[in-house]
Amino acid sequence: MQIYTEKEEEFIGLLTSIGTQKNVAKMLVYLAKLKRATSRDIERGADLRQPEVSVAMKYMMKRGWVEVREIPSEKMGRPVKLWNLKLPFAKILDIIGNEKQNELRARLDLVRKVRDFA
C-alpha cells in the first residue's frame, strides 16, 4: 500500500528531475512523513524491493542523512531495523540543492575552458 499523496508524488518527481535517485527520493519523502519506519514498512510504503531499499539506505547513510536502530525480533531471527532521518528534511533539501549548484558551477567552468581552448 503506497501512502503518497499527489503532492508527494509530484515532489518525488521534482527531486528526480534535478538528479536525485528515484529510490532515494521516495525514501526521503516516506521518512519525512512517517519519521520512523522498518525496512519492511519502507518496502511496502515506498513500493520498493528489499535490494532497492538497501542501496538507497547505504547512499543516505554515507551522507549522514539517516540513522538506524536495531530492535531484537520478537521471534527468532535477525533484529528489525528501524530507520529515521538523522537531519531535518529541510536541511537534507539544502544539502541536495548545494550539491546541484556545485555540479552546475563545475559544468559551466568546463564550458568556459572549452571556449577558451577554441
PDB file of N, CA and C in Angstrom:
ATOM      1  N   MET A   1       0.844  -1.180   0.000  1.00  0.00           N
ATOM      2  CA  MET A   1       0.000   0.000   0.000  1.00  0.00           C
ATOM      3  C   MET A   1       0.889   1.243   0.000  1.00  0.00           C
ATOM      4  N   GLN A   2       0.785   2.040  -1.036  1.00  0.00           N
ATOM      5  CA  GLN A   2       1.541   3.291  -1.098  1.00  0.00           C
ATOM      6  C   GLN A   2       0.798   4.372  -0.330  1.00  0.00           C
ATOM      7  N   ILE A   3       1.568   5.230   0.299  1.00  0.00           N
ATOM      8  CA  ILE A   3       0.938   6.281   1.104  1.00  0.00           C
ATOM      9  C   ILE A   3       1.132   7.666   0.513  1.00  0.00           C
ATOM     10  N   TYR A   4       1.707   7.749  -0.661  1.00  0.00           N
ATOM     11  CA  TYR A   4       1.995   9.056  -1.235  1.00  0.00           C
ATOM     12  C   TYR A   4       0.740   9.745  -1.744  1.00  0.00           C
ATOM     13  N   THR A   5       0.654  11.022  -1.432  1.00  0.00           N
ATOM     14  CA  THR A   5      -0.408  11.842  -1.993  1.00  0.00           C
ATOM     15  C   THR A   5       0.060  12.329  -3.366  1.00  0.00           C
ATOM     16  N   GLU A   6      -0.841  12.975  -4.081  1.00  0.00           N
ATOM     17  CA  GLU A   6      -0.467  13.545  -5.386  1.00  0.00           C
ATOM     18  C   GLU A   6       0.675  14.555  -5.235  1.00  0.00           C
ATOM     19  N   LYS A   7       0.593  15.362  -4.202  1.00  0.00           N
ATOM     20  CA  LYS A   7       1.617  16.375  -3.950  1.00  0.00           C
ATOM     21  C   LYS A   7       2.972  15.713  -3.669  1.00  0.00           C
ATOM     22  N   GLU A   8       2.971  14.641  -2.896  1.00  0.00           N
ATOM     23  CA  GLU A   8       4.213  13.926  -2.600  1.00  0.00           C
ATOM     24  C   GLU A   8       4.789  13.259  -3.856  1.00  0.00           C
ATOM     25  N   GLU A   9       3.915  12.713  -4.680  1.00  0.00           N
ATOM     26  CA  GLU A   9       4.367  12.124  -5.949  1.00  0.00           C
ATOM     27  C   GLU A   9       5.018  13.197  -6.824  1.00  0.00           C
ATOM     28  N   GLU A  10       4.411  14.375  -6.846  1.00  0.00           N
ATOM     29  CA  GLU A  10       4.979  15.477  -7.622  1.00  0.00           C
ATOM     30  C   GLU A  10       6.342  15.890  -7.048  1.00  0.00           C
ATOM     31  N   PHE A  11       6.445  15.917  -5.730  1.00  0.00           N
ATOM     32  CA  PHE A  11       7.700  16.277  -5.080  1.00  0.00           C
ATOM     33  C   PHE A  11       8.791  15.256  -5.403  1.00  0.00           C
ATOM     34  N   ILE A  12       8.450  13.983  -5.383  1.00  0.00           N
ATOM     35  CA  ILE A  12       9.392  12.927  -5.761  1.00  0.00           C
ATOM     36  C   ILE A  12       9.848  13.144  -7.195  1.00  0.00           C
ATOM     37  N   GLY A  13       8.902  13.495  -8.070  1.00  0.00           N
ATOM     38  CA  GLY A  13       9.240  13.779  -9.462  1.00  0.00           C
ATOM     39  C   GLY A  13      10.195  14.954  -9.603  1.00  0.00           C
ATOM     40  N   LEU A  14       9.984  15.988  -8.798  1.00  0.00           N
ATOM     41  CA  LEU A  14      10.876  17.157  -8.833  1.00  0.00           C
ATOM     42  C   LEU A  14      12.285  16.781  -8.357  1.00  0.00           C
ATOM     43  N   LEU A  15      12.357  16.007  -7.290  1.00  0.00           N
ATOM     44  CA  LEU A  15      13.666  15.577  -6.801  1.00  0.00           C
ATOM     45  C   LEU A  15      14.415  14.750  -7.850  1.00  0.00           C
ATOM     46  N   THR A  16      13.694  13.862  -8.522  1.00  0.00           N
ATOM     47  CA  THR A  16      14.351  13.031  -9.540  1.00  0.00           C
ATOM     48  C   THR A  16      14.726  13.862 -10.760  1.00  0.00           C
ATOM     49  N   SER A  17      13.940  14.876 -11.068  1.00  0.00           N
ATOM     50  CA  SER A  17      14.252  15.698 -12.241  1.00  0.00           C
ATOM     51  C   SER A  17      15.517  16.532 -12.038  1.00  0.00           C
ATOM     52  N   ILE A  18      15.895  16.796 -10.794  1.00  0.00           N
ATOM     53  CA  ILE A  18      17.148  17.524 -10.556  1.00  0.00           C
ATOM     54  C   ILE A  18      18.324  16.568 -10.356  1.00  0.00           C
ATOM     55  N   GLY A  19      18.053  15.267 -10.467  1.00  0.00           N
ATOM     56  CA  GLY A  19      19.146  14.305 -10.438  1.00  0.00           C
ATOM     57  C   GLY A  19      19.222  13.414  -9.214  1.00  0.00           C
ATOM     58  N   THR A  20      18.275  13.521  -8.301  1.00  0.00           N
ATOM     59  CA  THR A  20      18.255  12.635  -7.144  1.00  0.00           C
ATOM     60  C   THR A  20      17.759  11.268  -7.602  1.00  0.00           C
ATOM     61  N   GLN A  21      18.407  10.220  -7.120  1.00  0.00           N
ATOM     62  CA  GLN A  21      17.966   8.871  -7.474  1.00  0.00           C
ATOM     63  C   GLN A  21      16.513   8.698  -7.031  1.00  0.00           C
ATOM     64  N   LYS A  22      15.718   8.062  -7.878  1.00  0.00           N
ATOM     65  CA  LYS A  22      14.291   7.929  -7.587  1.00  0.00           C
ATOM     66  C   LYS A  22      14.034   7.194  -6.278  1.00  0.00           C
ATOM     67  N   ASN A  23      14.773   6.124  -6.032  1.00  0.00           N
ATOM     68  CA  ASN A  23      14.563   5.366  -4.802  1.00  0.00           C
ATOM     69  C   ASN A  23      14.931   6.195  -3.571  1.00  0.00           C
ATOM     70  N   VAL A  24      15.965   6.993  -3.680  1.00  0.00           N
ATOM     71  CA  VAL A  24      16.354   7.882  -2.577  1.00  0.00           C
ATOM     72  C   VAL A  24      15.267   8.920  -2.355  1.00  0.00           C
ATOM     73  N   ALA A  25      14.755   9.497  -3.425  1.00  0.00           N
ATOM     74  CA  ALA A  25      13.685  10.496  -3.307  1.00  0.00           C
ATOM     75  C   ALA A  25      12.449   9.894  -2.641  1.00  0.00           C
ATOM     76  N   LYS A  26      12.072   8.685  -3.058  1.00  0.00           N
ATOM     77  CA  LYS A  26      10.900   8.024  -2.466  1.00  0.00           C
ATOM     78  C   LYS A  26      11.090   7.796  -0.971  1.00  0.00           C
ATOM     79  N   MET A  27      12.283   7.357  -0.608  1.00  0.00           N
ATOM     80  CA  MET A  27      12.527   7.050   0.796  1.00  0.00           C
ATOM     81  C   MET A  27      12.633   8.313   1.643  1.00  0.00           C
ATOM     82  N   LEU A  28      13.215   9.362   1.097  1.00  0.00           N
ATOM     83  CA  LEU A  28      13.280  10.627   1.834  1.00  0.00           C
ATOM     84  C   LEU A  28      11.880  11.151   2.142  1.00  0.00           C
ATOM     85  N   VAL A  29      11.031  11.145   1.137  1.00  0.00           N
ATOM     86  CA  VAL A  29       9.660  11.633   1.326  1.00  0.00           C
ATOM     87  C   VAL A  29       8.913  10.735   2.307  1.00  0.00           C
ATOM     88  N   TYR A  30       9.111   9.431   2.188  1.00  0.00           N
ATOM     89  CA  TYR A  30       8.460   8.475   3.085  1.00  0.00           C
ATOM     90  C   TYR A  30       8.885   8.708   4.534  1.00  0.00           C
ATOM     91  N   LEU A  31      10.198   8.812   4.765  1.00  0.00           N
ATOM     92  CA  LEU A  31      10.684   9.003   6.134  1.00  0.00           C
ATOM     93  C   LEU A  31      10.349  10.390   6.679  1.00  0.00           C
ATOM     94  N   ALA A  32      10.276  11.380   5.810  1.00  0.00           N
ATOM     95  CA  ALA A  32       9.888  12.717   6.256  1.00  0.00           C
ATOM     96  C   ALA A  32       8.448  12.710   6.765  1.00  0.00           C
ATOM     97  N   LYS A  33       7.630  11.891   6.138  1.00  0.00           N
ATOM     98  CA  LYS A  33       6.221  11.838   6.523  1.00  0.00           C
ATOM     99  C   LYS A  33       5.998  10.995   7.789  1.00  0.00           C
ATOM    100  N   LEU A  34       6.675   9.843   7.870  1.00  0.00           N
ATOM    101  CA  LEU A  34       6.417   8.921   8.980  1.00  0.00           C
ATOM    102  C   LEU A  34       7.383   9.030  10.148  1.00  0.00           C
ATOM    103  N   LYS A  35       8.490   9.715   9.969  1.00  0.00           N
ATOM    104  CA  LYS A  35       9.519   9.902  10.995  1.00  0.00           C
ATOM    105  C   LYS A  35      10.352   8.637  11.225  1.00  0.00           C
ATOM    106  N   ARG A  36       9.733   7.474  11.463  1.00  0.00           N
ATOM    107  CA  ARG A  36      10.449   6.215  11.671  1.00  0.00           C
ATOM    108  C   ARG A  36       9.733   5.101  10.929  1.00  0.00           C
ATOM    109  N   ALA A  37      10.533   4.173  10.420  1.00  0.00           N
ATOM    110  CA  ALA A  37       9.926   3.036   9.719  1.00  0.00           C
ATOM    111  C   ALA A  37      10.914   1.881   9.669  1.00  0.00           C
ATOM    112  N   THR A  38      10.369   0.668   9.652  1.00  0.00           N
ATOM    113  CA  THR A  38      11.208  -0.509   9.469  1.00  0.00           C
ATOM    114  C   THR A  38      11.529  -0.648   7.986  1.00  0.00           C
ATOM    115  N   SER A  39      12.527  -1.444   7.700  1.00  0.00           N
ATOM    116  CA  SER A  39      12.875  -1.696   6.297  1.00  0.00           C
ATOM    117  C   SER A  39      11.670  -2.260   5.555  1.00  0.00           C
ATOM    118  N   ARG A  40      10.956  -3.161   6.194  1.00  0.00           N
ATOM    119  CA  ARG A  40       9.780  -3.774   5.564  1.00  0.00           C
ATOM    120  C   ARG A  40       8.685  -2.737   5.299  1.00  0.00           C
ATOM    121  N   ASP A  41       8.472  -1.832   6.249  1.00  0.00           N
ATOM    122  CA  ASP A  41       7.480  -0.760   6.058  1.00  0.00           C
ATOM    123  C   ASP A  41       7.853   0.097   4.844  1.00  0.00           C
ATOM    124  N   ILE A  42       9.153   0.396   4.725  1.00  0.00           N
ATOM    125  CA  ILE A  42       9.616   1.218   3.606  1.00  0.00           C
ATOM    126  C   ILE A  42       9.397   0.491   2.286  1.00  0.00           C
ATOM    127  N   GLU A  43       9.698  -0.803   2.259  1.00  0.00           N
ATOM    128  CA  GLU A  43       9.476  -1.589   1.040  1.00  0.00           C
ATOM    129  C   GLU A  43       8.024  -1.483   0.596  1.00  0.00           C
ATOM    130  N   ARG A  44       7.130  -1.676   1.528  1.00  0.00           N
ATOM    131  CA  ARG A  44       5.692  -1.652   1.193  1.00  0.00           C
ATOM    132  C   ARG A  44       5.208  -0.238   0.881  1.00  0.00           C
ATOM    133  N   GLY A  45       5.531   0.697   1.749  1.00  0.00           N
ATOM    134  CA  GLY A  45       5.005   2.054   1.625  1.00  0.00           C
ATOM    135  C   GLY A  45       5.596   2.844   0.472  1.00  0.00           C
ATOM    136  N   ALA A  46       6.876   2.582   0.178  1.00  0.00           N
ATOM    137  CA  ALA A  46       7.528   3.317  -0.910  1.00  0.00           C
ATOM    138  C   ALA A  46       7.520   2.519  -2.208  1.00  0.00           C
ATOM    139  N   ASP A  47       6.915   1.343  -2.171  1.00  0.00           N
ATOM    140  CA  ASP A  47       6.813   0.471  -3.346  1.00  0.00           C
ATOM    141  C   ASP A  47       8.202   0.160  -3.924  1.00  0.00           C
ATOM    142  N   LEU A  48       9.085  -0.315  -3.032  1.00  0.00           N
ATOM    143  CA  LEU A  48      10.440  -0.678  -3.426  1.00  0.00           C
ATOM    144  C   LEU A  48      10.731  -2.111  -3.003  1.00  0.00           C
ATOM    145  N   ARG A  49      11.674  -2.740  -3.690  1.00  0.00           N
ATOM    146  CA  ARG A  49      12.109  -4.074  -3.304  1.00  0.00           C
ATOM    147  C   ARG A  49      13.229  -3.949  -2.269  1.00  0.00           C
ATOM    148  N   GLN A  50      13.490  -5.028  -1.560  1.00  0.00           N
ATOM    149  CA  GLN A  50      14.489  -5.008  -0.499  1.00  0.00           C
ATOM    150  C   GLN A  50      15.857  -4.539  -0.984  1.00  0.00           C
ATOM    151  N   PRO A  51      16.361  -5.032  -2.126  1.00  0.00           N
ATOM    152  CA  PRO A  51      17.673  -4.545  -2.570  1.00  0.00           C
ATOM    153  C   PRO A  51      17.685  -3.045  -2.875  1.00  0.00           C
ATOM    154  N   GLU A  52      16.580  -2.519  -3.379  1.00  0.00           N
ATOM    155  CA  GLU A  52      16.491  -1.083  -3.675  1.00  0.00           C
ATOM    156  C   GLU A  52      16.542  -0.262  -2.388  1.00  0.00           C
ATOM    157  N   VAL A  53      15.871  -0.756  -1.351  1.00  0.00           N
ATOM    158  CA  VAL A  53      15.899  -0.086  -0.055  1.00  0.00           C
ATOM    159  C   VAL A  53      17.320  -0.105   0.506  1.00  0.00           C
ATOM    160  N   SER A  54      17.983  -1.244   0.419  1.00  0.00           N
ATOM    161  CA  SER A  54      19.350  -1.367   0.944  1.00  0.00           C
ATOM    162  C   SER A  54      20.318  -0.421   0.247  1.00  0.00           C
ATOM    163  N   VAL A  55      20.263  -0.362  -1.071  1.00  0.00           N
ATOM    164  CA  VAL A  55      21.167   0.507  -1.832  1.00  0.00           C
ATOM    165  C   VAL A  55      20.906   1.972  -1.492  1.00  0.00           C
ATOM    166  N   ALA A  56      19.644   2.364  -1.449  1.00  0.00           N
ATOM    167  CA  ALA A  56      19.308   3.759  -1.139  1.00  0.00           C
ATOM    168  C   ALA A  56      19.702   4.107   0.296  1.00  0.00           C
ATOM    169  N   MET A  57      19.522   3.188   1.223  1.00  0.00           N
ATOM    170  CA  MET A  57      19.893   3.438   2.616  1.00  0.00           C
ATOM    171  C   MET A  57      21.403   3.609   2.757  1.00  0.00           C
ATOM    172  N   LYS A  58      22.174   2.800   2.053  1.00  0.00           N
ATOM    173  CA  LYS A  58      23.632   2.942   2.099  1.00  0.00           C
ATOM    174  C   LYS A  58      24.037   4.317   1.588  1.00  0.00           C
ATOM    175  N   TYR A  59      23.412   4.759   0.497  1.00  0.00           N
ATOM    176  CA  TYR A  59      23.683   6.082  -0.070  1.00  0.00           C
ATOM    177  C   TYR A  59      23.390   7.169   0.969  1.00  0.00           C
ATOM    178  N   MET A  60      22.238   7.070   1.611  1.00  0.00           N
ATOM    179  CA  MET A  60      21.831   8.096   2.580  1.00  0.00           C
ATOM    180  C   MET A  60      22.645   8.018   3.869  1.00  0.00           C
ATOM    181  N   MET A  61      23.061   6.837   4.265  1.00  0.00           N
ATOM    182  CA  MET A  61      23.894   6.700   5.462  1.00  0.00           C
ATOM    183  C   MET A  61      25.273   7.313   5.239  1.00  0.00           C
ATOM    184  N   LYS A  62      25.838   7.121   4.037  1.00  0.00           N
ATOM    185  CA  LYS A  62      27.143   7.712   3.722  1.00  0.00           C
ATOM    186  C   LYS A  62      27.101   9.221   3.869  1.00  0.00           C
ATOM    187  N   ARG A  63      25.972   9.810   3.563  1.00  0.00           N
ATOM    188  CA  ARG A  63      25.815  11.259   3.633  1.00  0.00           C
ATOM    189  C   ARG A  63      25.363  11.738   5.013  1.00  0.00           C
ATOM    190  N   GLY A  64      25.095  10.816   5.897  1.00  0.00           N
ATOM    191  CA  GLY A  64      24.680  11.191   7.253  1.00  0.00           C
ATOM    192  C   GLY A  64      23.245  11.658   7.350  1.00  0.00           C
ATOM    193  N   TRP A  65      22.425  11.240   6.409  1.00  0.00           N
ATOM    194  CA  TRP A  65      21.029  11.688   6.385  1.00  0.00           C
ATOM    195  C   TRP A  65      20.105  10.817   7.219  1.00  0.00           C
ATOM    196  N   VAL A  66      20.461   9.549   7.401  1.00  0.00           N
ATOM    197  CA  VAL A  66      19.594   8.621   8.135  1.00  0.00           C
ATOM    198  C   VAL A  66      20.403   7.914   9.217  1.00  0.00           C
ATOM    199  N   GLU A  67      19.674   7.393  10.179  1.00  0.00           N
ATOM    200  CA  GLU A  67      20.293   6.549  11.197  1.00  0.00           C
ATOM    201  C   GLU A  67      19.390   5.336  11.417  1.00  0.00           C
ATOM    202  N   VAL A  68      20.003   4.293  11.931  1.00  0.00           N
ATOM    203  CA  VAL A  68      19.283   3.039  12.113  1.00  0.00           C
ATOM    204  C   VAL A  68      19.449   2.565  13.550  1.00  0.00           C
ATOM    205  N   ARG A  69      18.409   1.961  14.037  1.00  0.00           N
ATOM    206  CA  ARG A  69      18.435   1.330  15.352  1.00  0.00           C
ATOM    207  C   ARG A  69      17.915  -0.087  15.170  1.00  0.00           C
ATOM    208  N   GLU A  70      18.599  -1.045  15.754  1.00  0.00           N
ATOM    209  CA  GLU A  70      18.169  -2.438  15.636  1.00  0.00           C
ATOM    210  C   GLU A  70      17.386  -2.826  16.882  1.00  0.00           C
ATOM    211  N   ILE A  71      16.238  -3.436  16.641  1.00  0.00           N
ATOM    212  CA  ILE A  71      15.368  -3.888  17.714  1.00  0.00           C
ATOM    213  C   ILE A  71      15.312  -5.405  17.634  1.00  0.00           C
ATOM    214  N   PRO A  72      15.560  -6.102  18.748  1.00  0.00           N
ATOM    215  CA  PRO A  72      15.509  -7.567  18.695  1.00  0.00           C
ATOM    216  C   PRO A  72      14.149  -8.045  18.206  1.00  0.00           C
ATOM    217  N   SER A  73      14.182  -9.054  17.362  1.00  0.00           N
ATOM    218  CA  SER A  73      12.953  -9.616  16.815  1.00  0.00           C
ATOM    219  C   SER A  73      12.186 -10.345  17.912  1.00  0.00           C
ATOM    220  N   GLU A  74      10.862 -10.263  17.835  1.00  0.00           N
ATOM    221  CA  GLU A  74      10.036 -10.993  18.799  1.00  0.00           C
ATOM    222  C   GLU A  74      10.191 -12.495  18.597  1.00  0.00           C
ATOM    223  N   LYS A  75      10.429 -12.872  17.368  1.00  0.00           N
ATOM    224  CA  LYS A  75      10.665 -14.271  17.036  1.00  0.00           C
ATOM    225  C   LYS A  75      12.160 -14.457  16.919  1.00  0.00           C
ATOM    226  N   MET A  76      12.569 -15.671  16.722  1.00  0.00           N
ATOM    227  CA  MET A  76      13.990 -15.913  16.484  1.00  0.00           C
ATOM    228  C   MET A  76      14.346 -15.341  15.121  1.00  0.00           C
ATOM    229  N   GLY A  77      15.574 -14.931  14.973  1.00  0.00           N
ATOM    230  CA  GLY A  77      15.999 -14.406  13.685  1.00  0.00           C
ATOM    231  C   GLY A  77      16.686 -13.067  13.824  1.00  0.00           C
ATOM    232  N   ARG A  78      16.803 -12.418  12.697  1.00  0.00           N
ATOM    233  CA  ARG A  78      17.513 -11.138  12.655  1.00  0.00           C
ATOM    234  C   ARG A  78      16.733 -10.054  13.376  1.00  0.00           C
ATOM    235  N   PRO A  79      17.464  -9.089  13.927  1.00  0.00           N
ATOM    236  CA  PRO A  79      16.767  -7.943  14.540  1.00  0.00           C
ATOM    237  C   PRO A  79      16.108  -7.087  13.461  1.00  0.00           C
ATOM    238  N   VAL A  80      15.103  -6.369  13.864  1.00  0.00           N
ATOM    239  CA  VAL A  80      14.384  -5.475  12.963  1.00  0.00           C
ATOM    240  C   VAL A  80      15.121  -4.141  12.944  1.00  0.00           C
ATOM    241  N   LYS A  81      15.332  -3.594  11.756  1.00  0.00           N
ATOM    242  CA  LYS A  81      15.988  -2.293  11.626  1.00  0.00           C
ATOM    243  C   LYS A  81      14.931  -1.201  11.567  1.00  0.00           C
ATOM    244  N   LEU A  82      15.092  -0.210  12.421  1.00  0.00           N
ATOM    245  CA  LEU A  82      14.180   0.927  12.466  1.00  0.00           C
ATOM    246  C   LEU A  82      14.947   2.154  11.992  1.00  0.00           C
ATOM    247  N   TRP A  83      14.494   2.745  10.881  1.00  0.00           N
ATOM    248  CA  TRP A  83      15.181   3.857  10.224  1.00  0.00           C
ATOM    249  C   TRP A  83      14.481   5.175  10.513  1.00  0.00           C
ATOM    250  N   ASN A  84      15.269   6.235  10.603  1.00  0.00           N
ATOM    251  CA  ASN A  84      14.692   7.582  10.685  1.00  0.00           C
ATOM    252  C   ASN A  84      15.701   8.580  10.117  1.00  0.00           C
ATOM    253  N   LEU A  85      15.195   9.750   9.763  1.00  0.00           N
ATOM    254  CA  LEU A  85      16.070  10.811   9.265  1.00  0.00           C
ATOM    255  C   LEU A  85      16.910  11.335  10.419  1.00  0.00           C
ATOM    256  N   LYS A  86      18.193  11.474  10.180  1.00  0.00           N
ATOM    257  CA  LYS A  86      19.121  11.982  11.191  1.00  0.00           C
ATOM    258  C   LYS A  86      19.135  13.508  11.188  1.00  0.00           C
ATOM    259  N   LEU A  87      18.917  14.079  10.015  1.00  0.00           N
ATOM    260  CA  LEU A  87      18.864  15.529   9.849  1.00  0.00           C
ATOM    261  C   LEU A  87      17.437  15.952   9.537  1.00  0.00           C
ATOM    262  N   PRO A  88      17.088  17.188   9.827  1.00  0.00           N
ATOM    263  CA  PRO A  88      15.766  17.673   9.412  1.00  0.00           C
ATOM    264  C   PRO A  88      15.645  17.608   7.882  1.00  0.00           C
ATOM    265  N   PHE A  89      14.453  17.329   7.421  1.00  0.00           N
ATOM    266  CA  PHE A  89      14.198  17.187   5.983  1.00  0.00           C
ATOM    267  C   PHE A  89      14.630  18.444   5.227  1.00  0.00           C
ATOM    268  N   ALA A  90      14.362  19.615   5.787  1.00  0.00           N
ATOM    269  CA  ALA A  90      14.739  20.876   5.127  1.00  0.00           C
ATOM    270  C   ALA A  90      16.254  20.977   4.967  1.00  0.00           C
ATOM    271  N   LYS A  91      17.002  20.499   5.953  1.00  0.00           N
ATOM    272  CA  LYS A  91      18.468  20.527   5.876  1.00  0.00           C
ATOM    273  C   LYS A  91      18.957  19.598   4.757  1.00  0.00           C
ATOM    274  N   ILE A  92      18.338  18.434   4.626  1.00  0.00           N
ATOM    275  CA  ILE A  92      18.702  17.494   3.555  1.00  0.00           C
ATOM    276  C   ILE A  92      18.430  18.130   2.196  1.00  0.00           C
ATOM    277  N   LEU A  93      17.308  18.833   2.079  1.00  0.00           N
ATOM    278  CA  LEU A  93      16.984  19.512   0.825  1.00  0.00           C
ATOM    279  C   LEU A  93      18.009  20.609   0.526  1.00  0.00           C
ATOM    280  N   ASP A  94      18.461  21.312   1.562  1.00  0.00           N
ATOM    281  CA  ASP A  94      19.519  22.315   1.374  1.00  0.00           C
ATOM    282  C   ASP A  94      20.799  21.668   0.864  1.00  0.00           C
ATOM    283  N   ILE A  95      21.154  20.531   1.431  1.00  0.00           N
ATOM    284  CA  ILE A  95      22.360  19.808   1.010  1.00  0.00           C
ATOM    285  C   ILE A  95      22.240  19.396  -0.453  1.00  0.00           C
ATOM    286  N   ILE A  96      21.087  18.847  -0.822  1.00  0.00           N
ATOM    287  CA  ILE A  96      20.870  18.437  -2.219  1.00  0.00           C
ATOM    288  C   ILE A  96      20.981  19.657  -3.130  1.00  0.00           C
ATOM    289  N   GLY A  97      20.354  20.758  -2.743  1.00  0.00           N
ATOM    290  CA  GLY A  97      20.410  21.984  -3.539  1.00  0.00           C
ATOM    291  C   GLY A  97      21.833  22.480  -3.718  1.00  0.00           C
ATOM    292  N   ASN A  98      22.604  22.468  -2.646  1.00  0.00           N
ATOM    293  CA  ASN A  98      24.002  22.906  -2.733  1.00  0.00           C
ATOM    294  C   ASN A  98      24.828  21.993  -3.627  1.00  0.00           C
ATOM    295  N   GLU A  99      24.600  20.681  -3.524  1.00  0.00           N
ATOM    296  CA  GLU A  99      25.314  19.735  -4.386  1.00  0.00           C
ATOM    297  C   GLU A  99      25.015  20.015  -5.858  1.00  0.00           C
ATOM    298  N   LYS A 100      23.756  20.261  -6.163  1.00  0.00           N
ATOM    299  CA  LYS A 100      23.361  20.511  -7.554  1.00  0.00           C
ATOM    300  C   LYS A 100      23.934  21.829  -8.060  1.00  0.00           C
ATOM    301  N   GLN A 101      23.969  22.850  -7.210  1.00  0.00           N
ATOM    302  CA  GLN A 101      24.570  24.129  -7.605  1.00  0.00           C
ATOM    303  C   GLN A 101      26.061  23.959  -7.882  1.00  0.00           C
ATOM    304  N   ASN A 102      26.743  23.185  -7.040  1.00  0.00           N
ATOM    305  CA  ASN A 102      28.171  22.940  -7.254  1.00  0.00           C
ATOM    306  C   ASN A 102      28.417  22.165  -8.544  1.00  0.00           C
ATOM    307  N   GLU A 103      27.551  21.186  -8.826  1.00  0.00           N
ATOM    308  CA  GLU A 103      27.666  20.435 -10.082  1.00  0.00           C
ATOM    309  C   GLU A 103      27.488  21.366 -11.281  1.00  0.00           C
ATOM    310  N   LEU A 104      26.521  22.259 -11.194  1.00  0.00           N
ATOM    311  CA  LEU A 104      26.267  23.200 -12.287  1.00  0.00           C
ATOM    312  C   LEU A 104      27.448  24.150 -12.479  1.00  0.00           C
ATOM    313  N   ARG A 105      27.992  24.653 -11.387  1.00  0.00           N
ATOM    314  CA  ARG A 105      29.167  25.530 -11.493  1.00  0.00           C
ATOM    315  C   ARG A 105      30.341  24.814 -12.156  1.00  0.00           C
ATOM    316  N   ALA A 106      30.555  23.551 -11.790  1.00  0.00           N
ATOM    317  CA  ALA A 106      31.651  22.769 -12.374  1.00  0.00           C
ATOM    318  C   ALA A 106      31.438  22.589 -13.873  1.00  0.00           C
ATOM    319  N   ARG A 107      30.222  22.339 -14.287  1.00  0.00           N
ATOM    320  CA  ARG A 107      29.930  22.193 -15.718  1.00  0.00           C
ATOM    321  C   ARG A 107      30.134  23.507 -16.462  1.00  0.00           C
ATOM    322  N   LEU A 108      29.688  24.597 -15.868  1.00  0.00           N
ATOM    323  CA  LEU A 108      29.876  25.908 -16.501  1.00  0.00           C
ATOM    324  C   LEU A 108      31.356  26.241 -16.619  1.00  0.00           C
ATOM    325  N   ASP A 109      32.141  25.885 -15.625  1.00  0.00           N
ATOM    326  CA  ASP A 109      33.588  26.089 -15.696  1.00  0.00           C
ATOM    327  C   ASP A 109      34.186  25.295 -16.858  1.00  0.00           C
ATOM    328  N   LEU A 110      33.710  24.078 -17.062  1.00  0.00           N
ATOM    329  CA  LEU A 110      34.191  23.265 -18.190  1.00  0.00           C
ATOM    330  C   LEU A 110      33.829  23.898 -19.526  1.00  0.00           C
ATOM    331  N   VAL A 111      32.624  24.445 -19.607  1.00  0.00           N
ATOM    332  CA  VAL A 111      32.208  25.120 -20.840  1.00  0.00           C
ATOM    333  C   VAL A 111      33.125  26.309 -21.101  1.00  0.00           C
ATOM    334  N   ARG A 112      33.450  27.068 -20.076  1.00  0.00           N
ATOM    335  CA  ARG A 112      34.355  28.208 -20.230  1.00  0.00           C
ATOM    336  C   ARG A 112      35.741  27.760 -20.700  1.00  0.00           C
ATOM    337  N   LYS A 113      36.230  26.662 -20.152  1.00  0.00           N
ATOM    338  CA  LYS A 113      37.522  26.140 -20.559  1.00  0.00           C
ATOM    339  C   LYS A 113      37.506  25.699 -22.023  1.00  0.00           C
ATOM    340  N   VAL A 114      36.418  25.072 -22.436  1.00  0.00           N
ATOM    341  CA  VAL A 114      36.284  24.664 -23.841  1.00  0.00           C
ATOM    342  C   VAL A 114      36.297  25.885 -24.737  1.00  0.00           C
ATOM    343  N   ARG A 115      35.564  26.922 -24.353  1.00  0.00           N
ATOM    344  CA  ARG A 115      35.536  28.164 -25.156  1.00  0.00           C
ATOM    345  C   ARG A 115      36.921  28.805 -25.223  1.00  0.00           C
ATOM    346  N   ASP A 116      37.623  28.826 -24.087  1.00  0.00           N
ATOM    347  CA  ASP A 116      38.966  29.405 -24.060  1.00  0.00           C
ATOM    348  C   ASP A 116      39.925  28.592 -24.931  1.00  0.00           C
ATOM    349  N   PHE A 117      39.726  27.314 -24.959  1.00  0.00           N
ATOM    350  CA  PHE A 117      40.588  26.429 -25.758  1.00  0.00           C
ATOM    351  C   PHE A 117      40.389  26.677 -27.244  1.00  0.00           C
ATOM    352  N   ALA A 118      39.140  26.895 -27.624  1.00  0.00           N
ATOM    353  CA  ALA A 118      38.820  27.119 -29.041  1.00  0.00           C
ATOM    354  C   ALA A 118      39.253  28.491 -29.404  1.00  0.00           C
TER     355      ALA A 118
END
